[in-house]
Every structure is written in C-alpha cells, then in structure tokens.
Amino acid sequence: QVQLVESGGGLVQPGGSLRLSCAASGFTFNNYAMSWYRQAPGKERDLVASITNFGGSTNYADSVKGRFIISRDNAKNTVDLQMNSLKPEDTAVYYCNAKRSAWIYWGQGTQVTVSS
C-alpha cells in the first residue's frame, strides 16, 4: 500500500535549522511531483515547496524563499526539506504530498515548533 512517512520534526529555537525527510513506498516515486505543505493551528493547509518528478523544477511559497530547500532522491524514494533561519511563524504540522494528475497521497505529518 501507499505510504508517505515524514520524520525530522521537533522543537528548535528561532534562527535554527531542521531537515525534514519523507520516505515513500507503494507507488512509482519518480512518476510523481512531490511537495511539502504545512498547517498551523486554526489555519488552512498551505503549500510550502514542491519539486517535479525528476527534480528539474522547484517552487516555493514566498514566505520561505531563500530559507528552505526542497530536494529528492529518486534512488532512495525520499524527498527532503531543509529549513534554515526558522521563525516562530514556521511553527506547524508539515505534511509530505505526492501528486500525479488525479492521484494524490498524503503523509501523516510531523510537528515543527519554533520557539525560544
């Protein structure tokens, strides 16, 4: 069955860094664009970053441009999100997403808390 398993979340101080990882299984990974979304309490789930199926193109929310980097390893079926210069407003549950046409899969999410 399809699985997307996120890891790497936690508590970090403002200005710090975290690296999230998503391990995929149960589908042909390099056929899917991969994305990271986040959802803060009481807010909608928003796109953070996305990467095309072979990594040729990336896209970022304005709020994270220059601070976050998305990457993928099609040999390992993983997609990572390097988060630098973290701010309290980055606090949210971060979700891994796989999409190909009408086929969409979600992970269970990992909590990121930025606080001193």
N, C-alpha and C. Protein backbone atom coordinates (compact mmCIF):
# COMPACT_ATOMS: atom_id res chain seq x y z
N GLN A 1 0.84 -1.18 0.00
CA GLN A 1 0.00 0.00 0.00
C GLN A 1 0.88 1.24 0.00
N VAL A 2 0.27 2.34 -0.39
CA VAL A 2 1.00 3.61 -0.45
C VAL A 2 1.30 4.11 0.95
N GLN A 3 2.54 4.51 1.15
CA GLN A 3 2.94 5.12 2.42
C GLN A 3 3.85 6.32 2.17
N LEU A 4 3.60 7.38 2.88
CA LEU A 4 4.49 8.53 2.97
C LEU A 4 4.74 8.75 4.45
N VAL A 5 6.00 8.61 4.86
CA VAL A 5 6.33 8.69 6.28
C VAL A 5 7.31 9.84 6.50
N GLU A 6 6.83 10.87 7.20
CA GLU A 6 7.68 12.03 7.49
C GLU A 6 8.48 11.81 8.76
N SER A 7 9.63 12.44 8.82
CA SER A 7 10.46 12.42 10.02
C SER A 7 11.28 13.69 10.07
N GLY A 8 11.86 13.96 11.24
CA GLY A 8 12.76 15.09 11.38
C GLY A 8 12.19 16.31 12.07
N GLY A 9 10.92 16.28 12.40
CA GLY A 9 10.34 17.41 13.09
C GLY A 9 10.83 17.51 14.53
N GLY A 10 10.47 18.62 15.17
CA GLY A 10 10.87 18.80 16.56
C GLY A 10 10.80 20.24 16.98
N LEU A 11 11.43 20.52 18.11
CA LEU A 11 11.48 21.86 18.68
C LEU A 11 12.84 22.49 18.36
N VAL A 12 12.80 23.72 17.85
CA VAL A 12 14.04 24.41 17.50
C VAL A 12 13.89 25.88 17.87
N GLN A 13 14.99 26.51 18.21
CA GLN A 13 14.97 27.93 18.54
C GLN A 13 14.91 28.78 17.28
N PRO A 14 14.36 29.98 17.38
CA PRO A 14 14.38 30.89 16.22
C PRO A 14 15.80 31.06 15.69
N GLY A 15 15.90 31.04 14.36
CA GLY A 15 17.20 31.13 13.71
C GLY A 15 17.86 29.79 13.47
N GLY A 16 17.30 28.74 14.04
CA GLY A 16 17.87 27.42 13.88
C GLY A 16 17.45 26.74 12.60
N SER A 17 17.88 25.48 12.46
CA SER A 17 17.62 24.69 11.25
C SER A 17 17.05 23.33 11.61
N LEU A 18 16.26 22.80 10.70
CA LEU A 18 15.77 21.43 10.76
C LEU A 18 15.75 20.87 9.36
N ARG A 19 15.88 19.56 9.28
CA ARG A 19 15.75 18.89 7.99
C ARG A 19 14.66 17.83 8.11
N LEU A 20 13.62 18.00 7.33
CA LEU A 20 12.54 17.02 7.28
C LEU A 20 12.80 16.03 6.15
N SER A 21 12.39 14.80 6.37
CA SER A 21 12.53 13.79 5.34
C SER A 21 11.22 13.03 5.20
N CYS A 22 10.91 12.63 3.98
CA CYS A 22 9.71 11.85 3.70
C CYS A 22 10.12 10.62 2.91
N ALA A 23 9.81 9.45 3.46
CA ALA A 23 10.12 8.19 2.79
C ALA A 23 8.85 7.66 2.14
N ALA A 24 8.92 7.38 0.84
CA ALA A 24 7.76 6.95 0.07
C ALA A 24 7.86 5.48 -0.31
N SER A 25 6.73 4.82 -0.36
CA SER A 25 6.68 3.44 -0.81
C SER A 25 5.29 3.13 -1.34
N GLY A 26 5.20 2.08 -2.16
CA GLY A 26 3.91 1.63 -2.65
C GLY A 26 3.46 2.25 -3.96
N PHE A 27 4.29 3.11 -4.55
CA PHE A 27 3.98 3.69 -5.85
C PHE A 27 5.29 4.03 -6.56
N THR A 28 5.18 4.32 -7.86
CA THR A 28 6.37 4.63 -8.64
C THR A 28 6.78 6.07 -8.37
N PHE A 29 7.75 6.23 -7.49
CA PHE A 29 8.09 7.53 -6.94
C PHE A 29 8.43 8.54 -8.03
N ASN A 30 9.22 8.18 -9.02
CA ASN A 30 9.67 9.18 -9.99
C ASN A 30 8.60 9.53 -11.02
N ASN A 31 7.39 9.01 -10.86
CA ASN A 31 6.27 9.45 -11.69
C ASN A 31 5.48 10.59 -11.04
N TYR A 32 5.86 10.94 -9.82
CA TYR A 32 5.08 11.89 -9.02
C TYR A 32 5.87 13.14 -8.68
N ALA A 33 5.20 14.29 -8.81
CA ALA A 33 5.71 15.50 -8.20
C ALA A 33 5.54 15.38 -6.69
N MET A 34 6.49 15.93 -5.96
CA MET A 34 6.45 15.86 -4.51
C MET A 34 6.41 17.25 -3.92
N SER A 35 5.70 17.38 -2.83
CA SER A 35 5.56 18.69 -2.18
C SER A 35 5.57 18.53 -0.67
N TRP A 36 5.85 19.66 -0.03
CA TRP A 36 5.67 19.81 1.41
C TRP A 36 4.61 20.88 1.63
N TYR A 37 3.67 20.56 2.49
CA TYR A 37 2.65 21.50 2.93
C TYR A 37 2.79 21.68 4.44
N ARG A 38 2.16 22.72 4.95
CA ARG A 38 2.12 22.89 6.40
C ARG A 38 0.77 23.46 6.82
N GLN A 39 0.42 23.13 8.05
CA GLN A 39 -0.84 23.62 8.61
C GLN A 39 -0.62 24.03 10.05
N ALA A 40 -0.84 25.31 10.31
CA ALA A 40 -0.76 25.83 11.66
C ALA A 40 -2.13 25.74 12.32
N PRO A 41 -2.20 25.74 13.65
CA PRO A 41 -3.49 25.63 14.34
C PRO A 41 -4.46 26.71 13.89
N GLY A 42 -5.66 26.29 13.51
CA GLY A 42 -6.68 27.23 13.10
C GLY A 42 -6.53 27.80 11.71
N LYS A 43 -5.56 27.29 10.96
CA LYS A 43 -5.31 27.81 9.62
C LYS A 43 -5.44 26.70 8.59
N GLU A 44 -5.52 27.11 7.33
CA GLU A 44 -5.59 26.14 6.24
C GLU A 44 -4.23 25.51 5.98
N ARG A 45 -4.26 24.37 5.30
CA ARG A 45 -3.03 23.72 4.90
C ARG A 45 -2.50 24.43 3.65
N ASP A 46 -1.28 24.89 3.71
CA ASP A 46 -0.69 25.67 2.62
C ASP A 46 0.53 25.00 2.03
N LEU A 47 0.73 25.24 0.75
CA LEU A 47 1.91 24.72 0.07
C LEU A 47 3.15 25.45 0.56
N VAL A 48 4.20 24.69 0.88
CA VAL A 48 5.48 25.26 1.28
C VAL A 48 6.47 25.20 0.12
N ALA A 49 6.62 24.02 -0.48
CA ALA A 49 7.58 23.83 -1.56
C ALA A 49 7.20 22.61 -2.36
N SER A 50 7.56 22.62 -3.64
CA SER A 50 7.28 21.47 -4.50
C SER A 50 8.45 21.24 -5.43
N ILE A 51 8.54 20.01 -5.94
CA ILE A 51 9.62 19.63 -6.84
C ILE A 51 9.06 18.66 -7.86
N THR A 52 9.44 18.84 -9.13
CA THR A 52 8.94 17.98 -10.18
C THR A 52 9.53 16.57 -10.08
N ASN A 53 9.01 15.66 -10.88
CA ASN A 53 9.30 14.25 -10.67
C ASN A 53 10.78 13.88 -10.82
N PHE A 54 11.51 14.61 -11.67
CA PHE A 54 12.95 14.36 -11.76
C PHE A 54 13.78 15.51 -11.20
N GLY A 55 13.11 16.38 -10.47
CA GLY A 55 13.84 17.43 -9.76
C GLY A 55 14.28 18.60 -10.61
N GLY A 56 13.77 18.69 -11.82
CA GLY A 56 14.21 19.76 -12.70
C GLY A 56 13.67 21.12 -12.36
N SER A 57 12.61 21.16 -11.57
CA SER A 57 12.00 22.44 -11.24
C SER A 57 11.48 22.40 -9.81
N THR A 58 11.67 23.51 -9.11
CA THR A 58 11.17 23.65 -7.75
C THR A 58 10.35 24.92 -7.63
N ASN A 59 9.51 24.94 -6.62
CA ASN A 59 8.65 26.09 -6.38
C ASN A 59 8.51 26.28 -4.88
N TYR A 60 8.51 27.55 -4.44
CA TYR A 60 8.46 27.84 -3.01
C TYR A 60 7.42 28.90 -2.70
N ALA A 61 6.81 28.77 -1.55
CA ALA A 61 5.97 29.86 -1.05
C ALA A 61 6.85 31.08 -0.78
N ASP A 62 6.30 32.26 -0.99
CA ASP A 62 7.08 33.48 -0.78
C ASP A 62 7.66 33.55 0.62
N SER A 63 6.91 33.04 1.58
CA SER A 63 7.32 33.15 2.99
C SER A 63 8.56 32.33 3.33
N VAL A 64 8.92 31.37 2.47
CA VAL A 64 10.08 30.51 2.78
C VAL A 64 11.20 30.63 1.75
N LYS A 65 10.99 31.41 0.71
CA LYS A 65 12.03 31.56 -0.32
C LYS A 65 13.33 32.08 0.29
N GLY A 66 14.42 31.44 -0.09
CA GLY A 66 15.73 31.84 0.42
C GLY A 66 16.08 31.19 1.75
N ARG A 67 15.11 30.52 2.38
CA ARG A 67 15.37 29.86 3.67
C ARG A 67 15.22 28.34 3.60
N PHE A 68 14.28 27.87 2.79
CA PHE A 68 14.00 26.44 2.68
C PHE A 68 14.48 25.91 1.33
N ILE A 69 14.89 24.65 1.33
CA ILE A 69 15.30 23.99 0.09
C ILE A 69 14.67 22.61 0.04
N ILE A 70 13.97 22.33 -1.05
CA ILE A 70 13.40 21.01 -1.26
C ILE A 70 14.30 20.23 -2.20
N SER A 71 14.44 18.93 -1.92
CA SER A 71 15.25 18.07 -2.78
C SER A 71 14.67 16.66 -2.75
N ARG A 72 15.03 15.87 -3.74
CA ARG A 72 14.54 14.50 -3.78
C ARG A 72 15.65 13.57 -4.25
N ASP A 73 15.54 12.31 -3.84
CA ASP A 73 16.46 11.26 -4.26
C ASP A 73 15.60 10.12 -4.80
N ASN A 74 15.51 10.03 -6.11
CA ASN A 74 14.64 9.02 -6.72
C ASN A 74 15.18 7.60 -6.54
N ALA A 75 16.46 7.47 -6.25
CA ALA A 75 17.02 6.14 -5.99
C ALA A 75 16.60 5.63 -4.61
N LYS A 76 16.38 6.56 -3.68
CA LYS A 76 16.00 6.19 -2.31
C LYS A 76 14.52 6.41 -2.03
N ASN A 77 13.81 6.98 -2.99
CA ASN A 77 12.38 7.29 -2.81
C ASN A 77 12.16 8.22 -1.61
N THR A 78 12.95 9.26 -1.56
CA THR A 78 12.82 10.22 -0.47
C THR A 78 12.75 11.65 -1.00
N VAL A 79 12.09 12.48 -0.23
CA VAL A 79 12.07 13.91 -0.50
C VAL A 79 12.34 14.63 0.82
N ASP A 80 13.24 15.59 0.78
CA ASP A 80 13.66 16.31 1.98
C ASP A 80 13.28 17.78 1.90
N LEU A 81 13.20 18.38 3.06
CA LEU A 81 13.01 19.82 3.16
C LEU A 81 14.01 20.36 4.18
N GLN A 82 15.01 21.06 3.68
CA GLN A 82 15.99 21.71 4.55
C GLN A 82 15.43 23.08 4.93
N MET A 83 15.28 23.30 6.22
CA MET A 83 14.68 24.54 6.71
C MET A 83 15.72 25.30 7.53
N ASN A 84 16.08 26.48 7.07
CA ASN A 84 17.07 27.31 7.74
C ASN A 84 16.43 28.61 8.20
N SER A 85 17.13 29.28 9.10
CA SER A 85 16.66 30.58 9.61
C SER A 85 15.20 30.51 10.04
N LEU A 86 14.88 29.51 10.80
CA LEU A 86 13.49 29.27 11.18
C LEU A 86 12.94 30.39 12.05
N LYS A 87 11.65 30.66 11.85
CA LYS A 87 10.95 31.72 12.56
C LYS A 87 9.78 31.12 13.34
N PRO A 88 9.32 31.77 14.38
CA PRO A 88 8.15 31.25 15.10
C PRO A 88 6.95 31.01 14.20
N GLU A 89 6.79 31.82 13.17
CA GLU A 89 5.66 31.64 12.27
C GLU A 89 5.79 30.42 11.36
N ASP A 90 6.93 29.75 11.41
CA ASP A 90 7.08 28.48 10.68
C ASP A 90 6.50 27.30 11.49
N THR A 91 6.09 27.56 12.71
CA THR A 91 5.51 26.51 13.54
C THR A 91 4.24 25.96 12.90
N ALA A 92 4.21 24.64 12.70
CA ALA A 92 3.09 23.99 12.03
C ALA A 92 3.32 22.48 11.98
N VAL A 93 2.31 21.77 11.57
CA VAL A 93 2.48 20.38 11.19
C VAL A 93 2.83 20.37 9.70
N TYR A 94 3.90 19.69 9.36
CA TYR A 94 4.38 19.64 7.99
C TYR A 94 4.01 18.28 7.38
N TYR A 95 3.42 18.34 6.18
CA TYR A 95 2.93 17.15 5.50
C TYR A 95 3.65 16.94 4.17
N CYS A 96 3.98 15.70 3.91
CA CYS A 96 4.53 15.30 2.62
C CYS A 96 3.37 14.96 1.69
N ASN A 97 3.51 15.32 0.42
CA ASN A 97 2.44 15.12 -0.57
C ASN A 97 3.03 14.61 -1.88
N ALA A 98 2.36 13.62 -2.46
CA ALA A 98 2.72 13.10 -3.78
C ALA A 98 1.55 13.31 -4.71
N LYS A 99 1.83 13.81 -5.92
CA LYS A 99 0.73 14.10 -6.85
C LYS A 99 1.11 13.73 -8.28
N ARG A 100 0.18 13.04 -8.93
CA ARG A 100 0.28 12.77 -10.37
C ARG A 100 -1.13 12.79 -10.91
N SER A 101 -1.44 13.82 -11.65
CA SER A 101 -2.80 14.01 -12.18
C SER A 101 -3.79 13.96 -11.01
N ALA A 102 -4.75 13.03 -11.07
CA ALA A 102 -5.76 12.94 -10.02
C ALA A 102 -5.31 12.10 -8.84
N TRP A 103 -4.13 11.51 -8.93
CA TRP A 103 -3.62 10.67 -7.85
C TRP A 103 -2.86 11.54 -6.85
N ILE A 104 -3.36 11.57 -5.62
CA ILE A 104 -2.77 12.39 -4.58
C ILE A 104 -2.64 11.57 -3.30
N TYR A 105 -1.46 11.61 -2.70
CA TYR A 105 -1.23 10.90 -1.45
C TYR A 105 -0.65 11.87 -0.42
N TRP A 106 -0.99 11.60 0.86
CA TRP A 106 -0.52 12.43 1.97
C TRP A 106 0.14 11.58 3.04
N GLY A 107 1.14 12.16 3.68
CA GLY A 107 1.70 11.56 4.88
C GLY A 107 0.90 11.96 6.10
N GLN A 108 1.33 11.46 7.25
CA GLN A 108 0.59 11.71 8.49
C GLN A 108 0.99 13.02 9.16
N GLY A 109 2.09 13.60 8.73
CA GLY A 109 2.53 14.88 9.25
C GLY A 109 3.57 14.76 10.36
N THR A 110 4.39 15.81 10.47
CA THR A 110 5.38 15.89 11.54
C THR A 110 5.36 17.31 12.10
N GLN A 111 5.40 17.42 13.42
CA GLN A 111 5.28 18.72 14.07
C GLN A 111 6.62 19.44 14.08
N VAL A 112 6.59 20.70 13.67
CA VAL A 112 7.74 21.59 13.79
C VAL A 112 7.33 22.76 14.68
N THR A 113 8.08 22.97 15.74
CA THR A 113 7.81 24.07 16.66
C THR A 113 9.05 24.94 16.78
N VAL A 114 8.88 26.22 16.47
CA VAL A 114 9.98 27.17 16.55
C VAL A 114 9.69 28.11 17.71
N SER A 115 10.48 27.97 18.76
CA SER A 115 10.22 28.74 19.97
C SER A 115 11.48 28.82 20.82
N SER A 116 11.61 29.93 21.52
CA SER A 116 12.74 30.07 22.45
C SER A 116 12.33 29.64 23.85
